[in-house]
PDB file of N, CA and C in Angstrom:
ATOM      1  N   ASP A   1       5.160 -11.518   6.831  1.00  0.00           N
ATOM      2  CA  ASP A   1       3.532 -12.431   5.868  1.00  0.00           C
ATOM      3  C   ASP A   1       2.341 -11.372   6.367  1.00  0.00           C
ATOM      4  N   ALA A   2       3.277 -10.624   7.813  1.00  0.00           N
ATOM      5  CA  ALA A   2       1.639  -9.885   7.952  1.00  0.00           C
ATOM      6  C   ALA A   2       0.296  -9.283   7.588  1.00  0.00           C
ATOM      7  N   LEU A   3       0.858  -8.291   6.537  1.00  0.00           N
ATOM      8  CA  LEU A   3      -0.168  -8.143   4.724  1.00  0.00           C
ATOM      9  C   LEU A   3       0.110  -8.849   3.918  1.00  0.00           C
ATOM     10  N   VAL A   4      -1.055  -9.480   3.275  1.00  0.00           N
ATOM     11  CA  VAL A   4      -1.520  -9.915   2.469  1.00  0.00           C
ATOM     12  C   VAL A   4      -1.591  -9.341   1.249  1.00  0.00           C
ATOM     13  N   ARG A   5      -2.422  -9.821  -0.156  1.00  0.00           N
ATOM     14  CA  ARG A   5      -2.546  -9.113  -1.354  1.00  0.00           C
ATOM     15  C   ARG A   5      -3.807  -9.830  -1.034  1.00  0.00           C
ATOM     16  N   LYS A   6      -5.366  -9.596  -1.119  1.00  0.00           N
ATOM     17  CA  LYS A   6      -6.339 -10.215  -0.724  1.00  0.00           C
ATOM     18  C   LYS A   6      -7.572 -10.288  -2.286  1.00  0.00           C
ATOM     19  N   ARG A   7      -6.977  -9.139  -3.276  1.00  0.00           N
ATOM     20  CA  ARG A   7      -7.444 -10.004  -4.219  1.00  0.00           C
ATOM     21  C   ARG A   7      -5.877  -9.428  -5.361  1.00  0.00           C
ATOM     22  N   ASP A   8      -6.231  -9.582  -6.924  1.00  0.00           N
ATOM     23  CA  ASP A   8      -5.541  -9.838  -7.492  1.00  0.00           C
ATOM     24  C   ASP A   8      -5.951  -7.805  -8.238  1.00  0.00           C
ATOM     25  N   THR A   9      -4.399  -7.075  -8.585  1.00  0.00           N
ATOM     26  CA  THR A   9      -5.761  -5.656  -9.498  1.00  0.00           C
ATOM     27  C   THR A   9      -4.320  -5.851 -10.584  1.00  0.00           C
ATOM     28  N   VAL A  10      -4.912  -4.625 -11.332  1.00  0.00           N
ATOM     29  CA  VAL A  10      -4.044  -4.593 -12.894  1.00  0.00           C
ATOM     30  C   VAL A  10      -2.454  -3.689 -12.709  1.00  0.00           C
ATOM     31  N   SER A  11      -2.059  -3.757 -13.209  1.00  0.00           N
ATOM     32  CA  SER A  11      -0.724  -3.826 -13.188  1.00  0.00           C
ATOM     33  C   SER A  11      -0.945  -1.506 -13.322  1.00  0.00           C
ATOM     34  N   GLN A  12      -0.213  -0.959 -12.257  1.00  0.00           N
ATOM     35  CA  GLN A  12       0.022   0.611 -11.586  1.00  0.00           C
ATOM     36  C   GLN A  12       0.322   1.544 -13.286  1.00  0.00           C
ATOM     37  N   GLY A  13       0.267   1.122 -14.021  1.00  0.00           N
ATOM     38  CA  GLY A  13       1.228   1.548 -15.133  1.00  0.00           C
ATOM     39  C   GLY A  13       0.101   2.512 -15.142  1.00  0.00           C
ATOM     40  N   GLY A  14       0.165   3.503 -16.244  1.00  0.00           N
ATOM     41  CA  GLY A  14      -0.287   4.562 -17.126  1.00  0.00           C
ATOM     42  C   GLY A  14      -2.187   4.775 -16.923  1.00  0.00           C
ATOM     43  N   LYS A  15      -1.820   4.522 -15.072  1.00  0.00           N
ATOM     44  CA  LYS A  15      -3.132   4.744 -14.943  1.00  0.00           C
ATOM     45  C   LYS A  15      -3.038   6.041 -13.702  1.00  0.00           C
ATOM     46  N   SER A  16      -3.814   7.368 -13.578  1.00  0.00           N
ATOM     47  CA  SER A  16      -3.820   8.426 -12.794  1.00  0.00           C
ATOM     48  C   SER A  16      -3.547   8.206 -11.397  1.00  0.00           C
ATOM     49  N   ALA A  17      -3.397   9.108 -10.907  1.00  0.00           N
ATOM     50  CA  ALA A  17      -3.018   8.658  -9.348  1.00  0.00           C
ATOM     51  C   ALA A  17      -4.805   8.482  -8.723  1.00  0.00           C
ATOM     52  N   ASP A  18      -6.115   9.458  -9.307  1.00  0.00           N
ATOM     53  CA  ASP A  18      -7.551   8.575  -8.355  1.00  0.00           C
ATOM     54  C   ASP A  18      -7.262   7.233  -9.245  1.00  0.00           C
ATOM     55  N   GLY A  19      -7.197   6.596 -10.422  1.00  0.00           N
ATOM     56  CA  GLY A  19      -6.829   5.231 -10.487  1.00  0.00           C
ATOM     57  C   GLY A  19      -6.380   4.349 -10.041  1.00  0.00           C
ATOM     58  N   ARG A  20      -5.410   4.920  -8.989  1.00  0.00           N
ATOM     59  CA  ARG A  20      -4.418   4.414  -8.873  1.00  0.00           C
ATOM     60  C   ARG A  20      -5.008   3.636  -7.956  1.00  0.00           C
ATOM     61  N   ARG A  21      -5.260   4.722  -6.377  1.00  0.00           N
ATOM     62  CA  ARG A  21      -6.174   4.910  -5.559  1.00  0.00           C
ATOM     63  C   ARG A  21      -7.486   3.779  -6.195  1.00  0.00           C
ATOM     64  N   ARG A  22      -7.979   3.796  -6.514  1.00  0.00           N
ATOM     65  CA  ARG A  22      -9.065   2.442  -7.474  1.00  0.00           C
ATOM     66  C   ARG A  22      -8.863   1.392  -7.529  1.00  0.00           C
ATOM     67  N   ASN A  23      -7.250   1.608  -7.956  1.00  0.00           N
ATOM     68  CA  ASN A  23      -6.699  -0.204  -8.613  1.00  0.00           C
ATOM     69  C   ASN A  23      -6.465  -1.026  -6.707  1.00  0.00           C
ATOM     70  N   VAL A  24      -6.811  -0.091  -6.367  1.00  0.00           N
ATOM     71  CA  VAL A  24      -5.902  -0.722  -4.755  1.00  0.00           C
ATOM     72  C   VAL A  24      -6.681  -1.018  -3.358  1.00  0.00           C
ATOM     73  N   ALA A  25      -7.784  -0.254  -4.362  1.00  0.00           N
ATOM     74  CA  ALA A  25      -9.022   0.268  -2.646  1.00  0.00           C
ATOM     75  C   ALA A  25      -9.247  -1.622  -2.134  1.00  0.00           C
ATOM     76  N   ALA A  26      -9.070  -1.410  -1.261  1.00  0.00           N
ATOM     77  CA  ALA A  26      -9.417  -3.115  -0.495  1.00  0.00           C
ATOM     78  C   ALA A  26      -8.911  -4.008  -0.611  1.00  0.00           C
ATOM     79  N   ALA A  27      -7.454  -4.042  -1.468  1.00  0.00           N
ATOM     80  CA  ALA A  27      -6.511  -5.136  -1.855  1.00  0.00           C
ATOM     81  C   ALA A  27      -5.870  -6.022  -0.778  1.00  0.00           C
ATOM     82  N   PHE A  28      -5.324  -4.767  -0.135  1.00  0.00           N
ATOM     83  CA  PHE A  28      -4.678  -5.774   1.145  1.00  0.00           C
ATOM     84  C   PHE A  28      -5.185  -5.828   2.184  1.00  0.00           C
ATOM     85  N   ALA A  29      -4.576  -6.420   3.047  1.00  0.00           N
ATOM     86  CA  ALA A  29      -5.545  -7.371   4.438  1.00  0.00           C
ATOM     87  C   ALA A  29      -4.419  -7.882   5.261  1.00  0.00           C
ATOM     88  N   VAL A  30      -4.902  -7.629   6.615  1.00  0.00           N
ATOM     89  CA  VAL A  30      -3.818  -8.370   7.389  1.00  0.00           C
ATOM     90  C   VAL A  30      -4.673  -9.792   8.174  1.00  0.00           C
ATOM     91  N   PRO A  31      -4.425 -10.440   7.749  1.00  0.00           N
ATOM     92  CA  PRO A  31      -4.616 -11.841   8.232  1.00  0.00           C
ATOM     93  C   PRO A  31      -5.237 -11.841   9.388  1.00  0.00           C
ATOM     94  N   ASP A  32      -6.662 -12.804   9.831  1.00  0.00           N
ATOM     95  CA  ASP A  32      -6.968 -13.135  11.556  1.00  0.00           C
ATOM     96  C   ASP A  32      -5.408 -12.875  12.770  1.00  0.00           C
ATOM     97  N   ARG A  33      -5.303 -13.592  12.215  1.00  0.00           N
ATOM     98  CA  ARG A  33      -4.222 -14.963  12.639  1.00  0.00           C
ATOM     99  C   ARG A  33      -3.030 -13.925  12.893  1.00  0.00           C
ATOM    100  N   ARG A  34      -2.740 -12.946  11.914  1.00  0.00           N
ATOM    101  CA  ARG A  34      -1.356 -11.812  11.929  1.00  0.00           C
ATOM    102  C   ARG A  34      -2.121 -11.014  13.188  1.00  0.00           C
ATOM    103  N   ARG A  35      -3.085 -10.552  13.115  1.00  0.00           N
ATOM    104  CA  ARG A  35      -3.048  -9.201  13.811  1.00  0.00           C
ATOM    105  C   ARG A  35      -2.525  -8.825  15.194  1.00  0.00           C
ATOM    106  N   PRO A  36      -2.017  -9.946  15.984  1.00  0.00           N
ATOM    107  CA  PRO A  36      -1.062  -9.823  17.088  1.00  0.00           C
ATOM    108  C   PRO A  36      -0.102  -8.696  16.437  1.00  0.00           C
ATOM    109  N   LEU A  37       0.220  -9.203  15.644  1.00  0.00           N
ATOM    110  CA  LEU A  37       1.657  -8.490  14.649  1.00  0.00           C
ATOM    111  C   LEU A  37       2.002  -7.153  15.373  1.00  0.00           C
ATOM    112  N   VAL A  38       0.607  -6.441  14.380  1.00  0.00           N
ATOM    113  CA  VAL A  38       0.957  -5.108  14.091  1.00  0.00           C
ATOM    114  C   VAL A  38       0.035  -4.588  15.372  1.00  0.00           C
ATOM    115  N   GLU A  39      -1.185  -5.462  15.871  1.00  0.00           N
ATOM    116  CA  GLU A  39      -2.035  -4.600  17.756  1.00  0.00           C
ATOM    117  C   GLU A  39      -1.226  -3.684  18.481  1.00  0.00           C
ATOM    118  N   GLY A  40      -1.339  -2.548  18.127  1.00  0.00           N
ATOM    119  CA  GLY A  40      -0.474  -1.528  19.071  1.00  0.00           C
ATOM    120  C   GLY A  40       0.788  -1.157  19.195  1.00  0.00           C
ATOM    121  N   LYS A  41       1.216  -1.617  17.695  1.00  0.00           N
ATOM    122  CA  LYS A  41       2.448  -1.531  17.148  1.00  0.00           C
ATOM    123  C   LYS A  41       2.621  -0.422  15.861  1.00  0.00           C
ATOM    124  N   ARG A  42       3.780   0.406  16.097  1.00  0.00           N
ATOM    125  CA  ARG A  42       4.520   1.386  15.053  1.00  0.00           C
ATOM    126  C   ARG A  42       5.069   0.626  13.895  1.00  0.00           C
ATOM    127  N   VAL A  43       4.763   0.635  12.607  1.00  0.00           N
ATOM    128  CA  VAL A  43       4.926  -0.592  11.567  1.00  0.00           C
ATOM    129  C   VAL A  43       5.012   0.479  10.387  1.00  0.00           C
ATOM    130  N   LEU A  44       6.835  -0.512  10.532  1.00  0.00           N
ATOM    131  CA  LEU A  44       7.584   0.221   9.209  1.00  0.00           C
ATOM    132  C   LEU A  44       7.842   0.097   7.799  1.00  0.00           C
ATOM    133  N   LEU A  45       6.363   0.379   6.948  1.00  0.00           N
ATOM    134  CA  LEU A  45       6.294   0.111   5.590  1.00  0.00           C
ATOM    135  C   LEU A  45       7.524   0.234   4.318  1.00  0.00           C
ATOM    136  N   VAL A  46       8.081  -0.123   3.741  1.00  0.00           N
ATOM    137  CA  VAL A  46       9.078  -0.381   2.912  1.00  0.00           C
ATOM    138  C   VAL A  46       7.862   0.172   1.342  1.00  0.00           C
ATOM    139  N   ASP A  47       9.136   0.629   1.032  1.00  0.00           N
ATOM    140  CA  ASP A  47       7.931   0.166  -0.776  1.00  0.00           C
ATOM    141  C   ASP A  47       9.495   0.800  -1.423  1.00  0.00           C
ATOM    142  N   ASP A  48       9.885  -0.235  -2.459  1.00  0.00           N
ATOM    143  CA  ASP A  48      11.144  -0.221  -3.558  1.00  0.00           C
ATOM    144  C   ASP A  48      10.671   1.339  -4.235  1.00  0.00           C
ATOM    145  N   VAL A  49       9.993   2.172  -4.581  1.00  0.00           N
ATOM    146  CA  VAL A  49       9.395   2.868  -5.592  1.00  0.00           C
ATOM    147  C   VAL A  49       7.940   3.526  -5.490  1.00  0.00           C
ATOM    148  N   LEU A  50       7.966   4.389  -4.914  1.00  0.00           N
ATOM    149  CA  LEU A  50       7.102   5.760  -4.593  1.00  0.00           C
ATOM    150  C   LEU A  50       6.202   6.541  -5.957  1.00  0.00           C
ATOM    151  N   THR A  51       5.131   6.440  -6.730  1.00  0.00           N
ATOM    152  CA  THR A  51       4.813   7.089  -7.530  1.00  0.00           C
ATOM    153  C   THR A  51       3.356   7.919  -7.212  1.00  0.00           C
ATOM    154  N   THR A  52       2.130   7.687  -6.904  1.00  0.00           N
ATOM    155  CA  THR A  52       1.153   8.845  -6.094  1.00  0.00           C
ATOM    156  C   THR A  52       1.801   7.595  -4.631  1.00  0.00           C
ATOM    157  N   GLY A  53       1.973   6.407  -4.253  1.00  0.00           N
ATOM    158  CA  GLY A  53       1.946   6.264  -2.638  1.00  0.00           C
ATOM    159  C   GLY A  53       0.135   5.436  -3.092  1.00  0.00           C
ATOM    160  N   ALA A  54      -0.772   5.502  -3.881  1.00  0.00           N
ATOM    161  CA  ALA A  54      -1.463   4.986  -3.699  1.00  0.00           C
ATOM    162  C   ALA A  54      -1.682   3.529  -3.083  1.00  0.00           C
ATOM    163  N   THR A  55      -0.574   2.678  -3.462  1.00  0.00           N
ATOM    164  CA  THR A  55      -0.403   1.399  -2.891  1.00  0.00           C
ATOM    165  C   THR A  55       0.477   1.575  -1.583  1.00  0.00           C
ATOM    166  N   ALA A  56       0.829   1.967  -1.025  1.00  0.00           N
ATOM    167  CA  ALA A  56       1.082   2.804   1.039  1.00  0.00           C
ATOM    168  C   ALA A  56      -0.246   2.980   1.284  1.00  0.00           C
ATOM    169  N   GLU A  57      -0.171   4.303   0.647  1.00  0.00           N
ATOM    170  CA  GLU A  57      -2.025   3.996   1.497  1.00  0.00           C
ATOM    171  C   GLU A  57      -2.873   2.690   1.645  1.00  0.00           C
ATOM    172  N   GLY A  58      -2.713   1.888   0.483  1.00  0.00           N
ATOM    173  CA  GLY A  58      -4.163   1.488   0.593  1.00  0.00           C
ATOM    174  C   GLY A  58      -3.101  -0.064   1.791  1.00  0.00           C
ATOM    175  N   CYS A  59      -1.855  -0.175   1.790  1.00  0.00           N
ATOM    176  CA  CYS A  59      -1.122  -0.922   2.810  1.00  0.00           C
ATOM    177  C   CYS A  59      -1.602  -0.159   4.543  1.00  0.00           C
ATOM    178  N   ALA A  60      -0.885   0.956   4.152  1.00  0.00           N
ATOM    179  CA  ALA A  60      -1.464   1.633   5.163  1.00  0.00           C
ATOM    180  C   ALA A  60      -2.373   1.395   5.846  1.00  0.00           C
ATOM    181  N   ARG A  61      -3.584   1.738   5.796  1.00  0.00           N
ATOM    182  CA  ARG A  61      -4.769   1.430   5.908  1.00  0.00           C
ATOM    183  C   ARG A  61      -5.386   0.416   5.735  1.00  0.00           C
ATOM    184  N   ALA A  62      -4.713  -1.033   5.579  1.00  0.00           N
ATOM    185  CA  ALA A  62      -5.137  -1.911   5.914  1.00  0.00           C
ATOM    186  C   ALA A  62      -4.567  -2.724   7.078  1.00  0.00           C
ATOM    187  N   LEU A  63      -3.291  -1.468   7.730  1.00  0.00           N
ATOM    188  CA  LEU A  63      -2.241  -2.368   8.940  1.00  0.00           C
ATOM    189  C   LEU A  63      -3.336  -1.213  10.364  1.00  0.00           C
ATOM    190  N   LEU A  64      -3.884  -0.279   9.512  1.00  0.00           N
ATOM    191  CA  LEU A  64      -4.599   0.230  10.851  1.00  0.00           C
ATOM    192  C   LEU A  64      -6.083   0.266  10.843  1.00  0.00           C
ATOM    193  N   ALA A  65      -6.454  -0.230  10.420  1.00  0.00           N
ATOM    194  CA  ALA A  65      -7.578  -1.240  10.207  1.00  0.00           C
ATOM    195  C   ALA A  65      -7.085  -2.516  11.422  1.00  0.00           C
ATOM    196  N   ALA A  66      -5.734  -3.248  11.412  1.00  0.00           N
ATOM    197  CA  ALA A  66      -5.478  -3.983  11.819  1.00  0.00           C
ATOM    198  C   ALA A  66      -5.468  -3.826  13.293  1.00  0.00           C
ATOM    199  N   GLY A  67      -5.070  -2.713  13.410  1.00  0.00           N
ATOM    200  CA  GLY A  67      -4.649  -2.649  14.992  1.00  0.00           C
ATOM    201  C   GLY A  67      -3.576  -1.751  15.297  1.00  0.00           C
ATOM    202  N   ALA A  68      -3.220  -1.154  14.287  1.00  0.00           N
ATOM    203  CA  ALA A  68      -1.545  -0.440  14.098  1.00  0.00           C
ATOM    204  C   ALA A  68      -1.527   0.423  14.785  1.00  0.00           C
ATOM    205  N   SER A  69      -1.175   1.436  15.771  1.00  0.00           N
ATOM    206  CA  SER A  69      -0.616   2.300  15.905  1.00  0.00           C
ATOM    207  C   SER A  69      -1.139   3.917  15.034  1.00  0.00           C
ATOM    208  N   ALA A  70       0.432   3.395  14.222  1.00  0.00           N
ATOM    209  CA  ALA A  70       0.988   4.093  13.691  1.00  0.00           C
ATOM    210  C   ALA A  70       1.056   3.382  12.358  1.00  0.00           C
ATOM    211  N   VAL A  71       2.155   4.217  11.117  1.00  0.00           N
ATOM    212  CA  VAL A  71       1.928   3.337   9.941  1.00  0.00           C
ATOM    213  C   VAL A  71       3.461   4.470   9.203  1.00  0.00           C
ATOM    214  N   ASP A  72       4.789   3.964   9.445  1.00  0.00           N
ATOM    215  CA  ASP A  72       5.201   4.733   9.070  1.00  0.00           C
ATOM    216  C   ASP A  72       5.938   4.335   7.294  1.00  0.00           C
ATOM    217  N   LEU A  73       5.884   5.145   6.079  1.00  0.00           N
ATOM    218  CA  LEU A  73       7.094   4.493   5.330  1.00  0.00           C
ATOM    219  C   LEU A  73       8.154   5.312   4.637  1.00  0.00           C
ATOM    220  N   THR A  74       8.635   3.692   4.310  1.00  0.00           N
ATOM    221  CA  THR A  74      10.699   4.615   3.649  1.00  0.00           C
ATOM    222  C   THR A  74      10.674   4.075   2.629  1.00  0.00           C
ATOM    223  N   VAL A  75      10.945   4.700   1.820  1.00  0.00           N
ATOM    224  CA  VAL A  75      11.162   4.544   0.045  1.00  0.00           C
ATOM    225  C   VAL A  75      12.716   4.254  -0.120  1.00  0.00           C
ATOM    226  N   VAL A  76      12.849   4.071  -1.793  1.00  0.00           N
ATOM    227  CA  VAL A  76      13.968   3.502  -2.102  1.00  0.00           C
ATOM    228  C   VAL A  76      14.291   4.679  -3.061  1.00  0.00           C
ATOM    229  N   ALA A  77      13.208   4.747  -3.658  1.00  0.00           N
ATOM    230  CA  ALA A  77      12.958   5.500  -4.978  1.00  0.00           C
ATOM    231  C   ALA A  77      11.908   6.787  -4.819  1.00  0.00           C
ATOM    232  N   ARG A  78      11.011   8.097  -5.487  1.00  0.00           N
ATOM    233  CA  ARG A  78      10.039   8.384  -6.027  1.00  0.00           C
ATOM    234  C   ARG A  78      10.407   8.991  -7.240  1.00  0.00           C
ATOM    235  N   VAL A  79       8.990   8.246  -7.982  1.00  0.00           N
ATOM    236  CA  VAL A  79       9.294   8.825  -9.181  1.00  0.00           C
ATOM    237  C   VAL A  79       8.816  10.827  -9.115  1.00  0.00           C
ATOM    238  N   THR A  80       9.342  11.581 -10.209  1.00  0.00           N
ATOM    239  CA  THR A  80       8.754  13.006  -9.967  1.00  0.00           C
ATOM    240  C   THR A  80       8.203  13.469 -10.883  1.00  0.00           C
ATOM    241  N   GLU A  81       8.046  12.777 -11.804  1.00  0.00           N
ATOM    242  CA  GLU A  81       6.811  13.081 -13.113  1.00  0.00           C
ATOM    243  C   GLU A  81       6.604  11.663 -13.598  1.00  0.00           C
ATOM    244  N   MET A  82       5.108  12.093 -13.620  1.00  0.00           N
ATOM    245  CA  MET A  82       4.436  10.642 -14.062  1.00  0.00           C
ATOM    246  C   MET A  82       4.023  10.587 -15.442  1.00  0.00           C
ATOM    247  N   ARG A  83       3.878   9.757 -16.443  1.00  0.00           N
ATOM    248  CA  ARG A  83       2.961   9.957 -17.689  1.00  0.00           C
ATOM    249  C   ARG A  83       2.275   8.992 -17.004  1.00  0.00           C
ATOM    250  N   THR A  84       0.859   9.512 -17.729  1.00  0.00           N
ATOM    251  CA  THR A  84      -0.507   9.084 -17.984  1.00  0.00           C
ATOM    252  C   THR A  84      -0.748   7.908 -18.524  1.00  0.00           C
ATOM    253  N   ARG A  85      -0.143   8.196 -20.201  1.00  0.00           N
ATOM    254  CA  ARG A  85      -0.085   6.764 -20.963  1.00  0.00           C
ATOM    255  C   ARG A  85       1.452   6.211 -21.120  1.00  0.00           C
ATOM    256  N   PRO A  86       0.714   4.768 -21.290  1.00  0.00           N
ATOM    257  CA  PRO A  86       1.982   3.886 -21.447  1.00  0.00           C
ATOM    258  C   PRO A  86       2.793   5.108 -23.417  1.00  0.00           C
ATOM    259  N   ILE A  87       4.733   5.036 -22.419  1.00  0.00           N
ATOM    260  CA  ILE A  87       4.873   5.238 -23.452  1.00  0.00           C
ATOM    261  C   ILE A  87       4.801   4.410 -25.100  1.00  0.00           C
TER     262      ILE A  87
END
């Protein structure tokens, strides 16, 4: 619970890579009371599915802004072809 979503976002489905980045921009944060959990630490971020990396990037930016020394990412699955519109 060191990382929280501070604002709701719409679904990432059907969005371009740029649209996905804009959708999650500044959507994540580390609450002040949780900063000691990440300050000066290397953080491992785990994601179930990586499409464009926009959500992971947004999370990493929040963790680094809170003082994490580094953020690494591991994913379970990677989307290799992204459709820009729903089927």
